[in-house]
Amino acid sequence: MPGYDYKLLERPRRRVLCPLCGKPMREPVRVSTCGHRFCDTCLQEFLR
């Protein structure tokens, strides 16, 4: 996404919920500017 840097992460060992969809994270990514973690798909949809 333009203006945002994010990095794909390994799947967490414990169940971590995405703050955007509320479901267990799928293909987790971390936003470099703030450190928050989201599902890759959720973050891309949110930023559109």
N, C-alpha and C. Protein backbone atom coordinates (compact mmCIF):
# COMPACT_ATOMS: atom_id res chain seq x y z
N MET A 1 0.84 -1.18 0.00
CA MET A 1 0.00 0.00 0.00
C MET A 1 0.89 1.25 0.00
N PRO A 2 0.56 2.23 -0.77
CA PRO A 2 1.34 3.46 -0.78
C PRO A 2 1.23 4.19 0.56
N GLY A 3 2.36 4.63 1.08
CA GLY A 3 2.36 5.39 2.32
C GLY A 3 2.42 4.56 3.58
N TYR A 4 2.31 3.25 3.47
CA TYR A 4 2.36 2.37 4.63
C TYR A 4 3.35 1.26 4.37
N ASP A 5 4.19 0.97 5.35
CA ASP A 5 5.09 -0.17 5.26
C ASP A 5 4.56 -1.23 6.20
N TYR A 6 4.48 -2.45 5.71
CA TYR A 6 4.08 -3.54 6.58
C TYR A 6 4.81 -4.80 6.19
N LYS A 7 4.91 -5.73 7.13
CA LYS A 7 5.71 -6.92 6.95
C LYS A 7 4.90 -8.15 7.30
N LEU A 8 4.95 -9.18 6.45
CA LEU A 8 4.31 -10.44 6.77
C LEU A 8 5.02 -11.08 7.94
N LEU A 9 4.26 -11.66 8.85
CA LEU A 9 4.81 -12.29 10.04
C LEU A 9 4.51 -13.78 10.03
N GLU A 10 5.24 -14.53 10.87
CA GLU A 10 4.92 -15.94 11.05
C GLU A 10 3.61 -16.04 11.83
N ARG A 11 2.90 -17.14 11.64
CA ARG A 11 1.65 -17.34 12.39
C ARG A 11 1.97 -17.38 13.88
N PRO A 12 1.19 -16.69 14.69
CA PRO A 12 1.42 -16.71 16.14
C PRO A 12 1.12 -18.10 16.71
N ARG A 13 1.85 -18.48 17.75
CA ARG A 13 1.63 -19.79 18.38
C ARG A 13 0.34 -19.81 19.17
N ARG A 14 -0.03 -18.69 19.74
CA ARG A 14 -1.29 -18.63 20.49
C ARG A 14 -2.33 -17.94 19.63
N ARG A 15 -3.56 -18.08 20.01
CA ARG A 15 -4.66 -17.51 19.23
C ARG A 15 -4.69 -15.99 19.44
N VAL A 16 -4.43 -15.26 18.38
CA VAL A 16 -4.43 -13.80 18.41
C VAL A 16 -5.52 -13.33 17.46
N LEU A 17 -6.37 -12.42 17.94
CA LEU A 17 -7.48 -11.93 17.13
C LEU A 17 -7.11 -10.65 16.40
N CYS A 18 -7.57 -10.54 15.18
CA CYS A 18 -7.38 -9.32 14.39
C CYS A 18 -8.31 -8.24 14.94
N PRO A 19 -7.81 -7.05 15.23
CA PRO A 19 -8.67 -5.98 15.74
C PRO A 19 -9.67 -5.46 14.71
N LEU A 20 -9.48 -5.75 13.44
CA LEU A 20 -10.41 -5.27 12.41
C LEU A 20 -11.58 -6.23 12.20
N CYS A 21 -11.30 -7.53 12.10
CA CYS A 21 -12.39 -8.49 11.83
C CYS A 21 -12.81 -9.26 13.08
N GLY A 22 -11.98 -9.27 14.13
CA GLY A 22 -12.31 -9.97 15.36
C GLY A 22 -12.11 -11.47 15.31
N LYS A 23 -11.54 -11.97 14.22
CA LYS A 23 -11.32 -13.41 14.05
C LYS A 23 -9.83 -13.72 14.24
N PRO A 24 -9.49 -15.00 14.45
CA PRO A 24 -8.06 -15.35 14.53
C PRO A 24 -7.32 -14.87 13.29
N MET A 25 -6.12 -14.36 13.49
CA MET A 25 -5.36 -13.76 12.39
C MET A 25 -5.01 -14.78 11.33
N ARG A 26 -5.22 -14.36 10.09
CA ARG A 26 -4.82 -15.12 8.91
C ARG A 26 -3.78 -14.28 8.18
N GLU A 27 -2.66 -14.87 7.85
CA GLU A 27 -1.58 -14.14 7.17
C GLU A 27 -1.30 -12.81 7.89
N PRO A 28 -0.86 -12.87 9.14
CA PRO A 28 -0.66 -11.64 9.92
C PRO A 28 0.43 -10.75 9.34
N VAL A 29 0.19 -9.44 9.43
CA VAL A 29 1.16 -8.43 9.04
C VAL A 29 1.28 -7.41 10.17
N ARG A 30 2.45 -6.76 10.25
CA ARG A 30 2.66 -5.72 11.26
C ARG A 30 2.94 -4.42 10.54
N VAL A 31 2.24 -3.35 10.92
CA VAL A 31 2.47 -2.02 10.36
C VAL A 31 3.71 -1.45 11.03
N SER A 32 4.69 -1.05 10.24
CA SER A 32 5.98 -0.63 10.80
C SER A 32 5.89 0.66 11.59
N THR A 33 4.99 1.57 11.23
CA THR A 33 4.94 2.87 11.91
C THR A 33 4.36 2.78 13.32
N CYS A 34 3.45 1.84 13.56
CA CYS A 34 2.81 1.77 14.87
C CYS A 34 2.98 0.42 15.56
N GLY A 35 3.34 -0.63 14.81
CA GLY A 35 3.53 -1.95 15.40
C GLY A 35 2.26 -2.77 15.55
N HIS A 36 1.11 -2.23 15.16
CA HIS A 36 -0.13 -2.98 15.25
C HIS A 36 -0.12 -4.14 14.26
N ARG A 37 -0.85 -5.21 14.61
CA ARG A 37 -0.91 -6.39 13.75
C ARG A 37 -2.34 -6.63 13.30
N PHE A 38 -2.47 -7.04 12.05
CA PHE A 38 -3.77 -7.29 11.43
C PHE A 38 -3.65 -8.46 10.46
N CYS A 39 -4.79 -8.99 10.01
CA CYS A 39 -4.80 -9.92 8.87
C CYS A 39 -4.39 -9.10 7.65
N ASP A 40 -3.60 -9.69 6.78
CA ASP A 40 -3.18 -8.98 5.57
C ASP A 40 -4.38 -8.49 4.77
N THR A 41 -5.37 -9.35 4.56
CA THR A 41 -6.55 -8.99 3.78
C THR A 41 -7.33 -7.87 4.46
N CYS A 42 -7.52 -7.94 5.77
CA CYS A 42 -8.26 -6.91 6.50
C CYS A 42 -7.58 -5.55 6.37
N LEU A 43 -6.27 -5.53 6.52
CA LEU A 43 -5.53 -4.27 6.43
C LEU A 43 -5.65 -3.67 5.04
N GLN A 44 -5.50 -4.49 4.01
CA GLN A 44 -5.60 -3.97 2.65
C GLN A 44 -7.00 -3.42 2.37
N GLU A 45 -8.04 -4.11 2.83
CA GLU A 45 -9.41 -3.62 2.64
C GLU A 45 -9.65 -2.33 3.41
N PHE A 46 -9.12 -2.25 4.64
CA PHE A 46 -9.30 -1.06 5.47
C PHE A 46 -8.64 0.17 4.84
N LEU A 47 -7.49 -0.02 4.21
CA LEU A 47 -6.75 1.10 3.64
C LEU A 47 -7.28 1.56 2.29
N ARG A 48 -8.20 0.82 1.71
CA ARG A 48 -8.79 1.24 0.41
C ARG A 48 -9.75 2.36 0.59
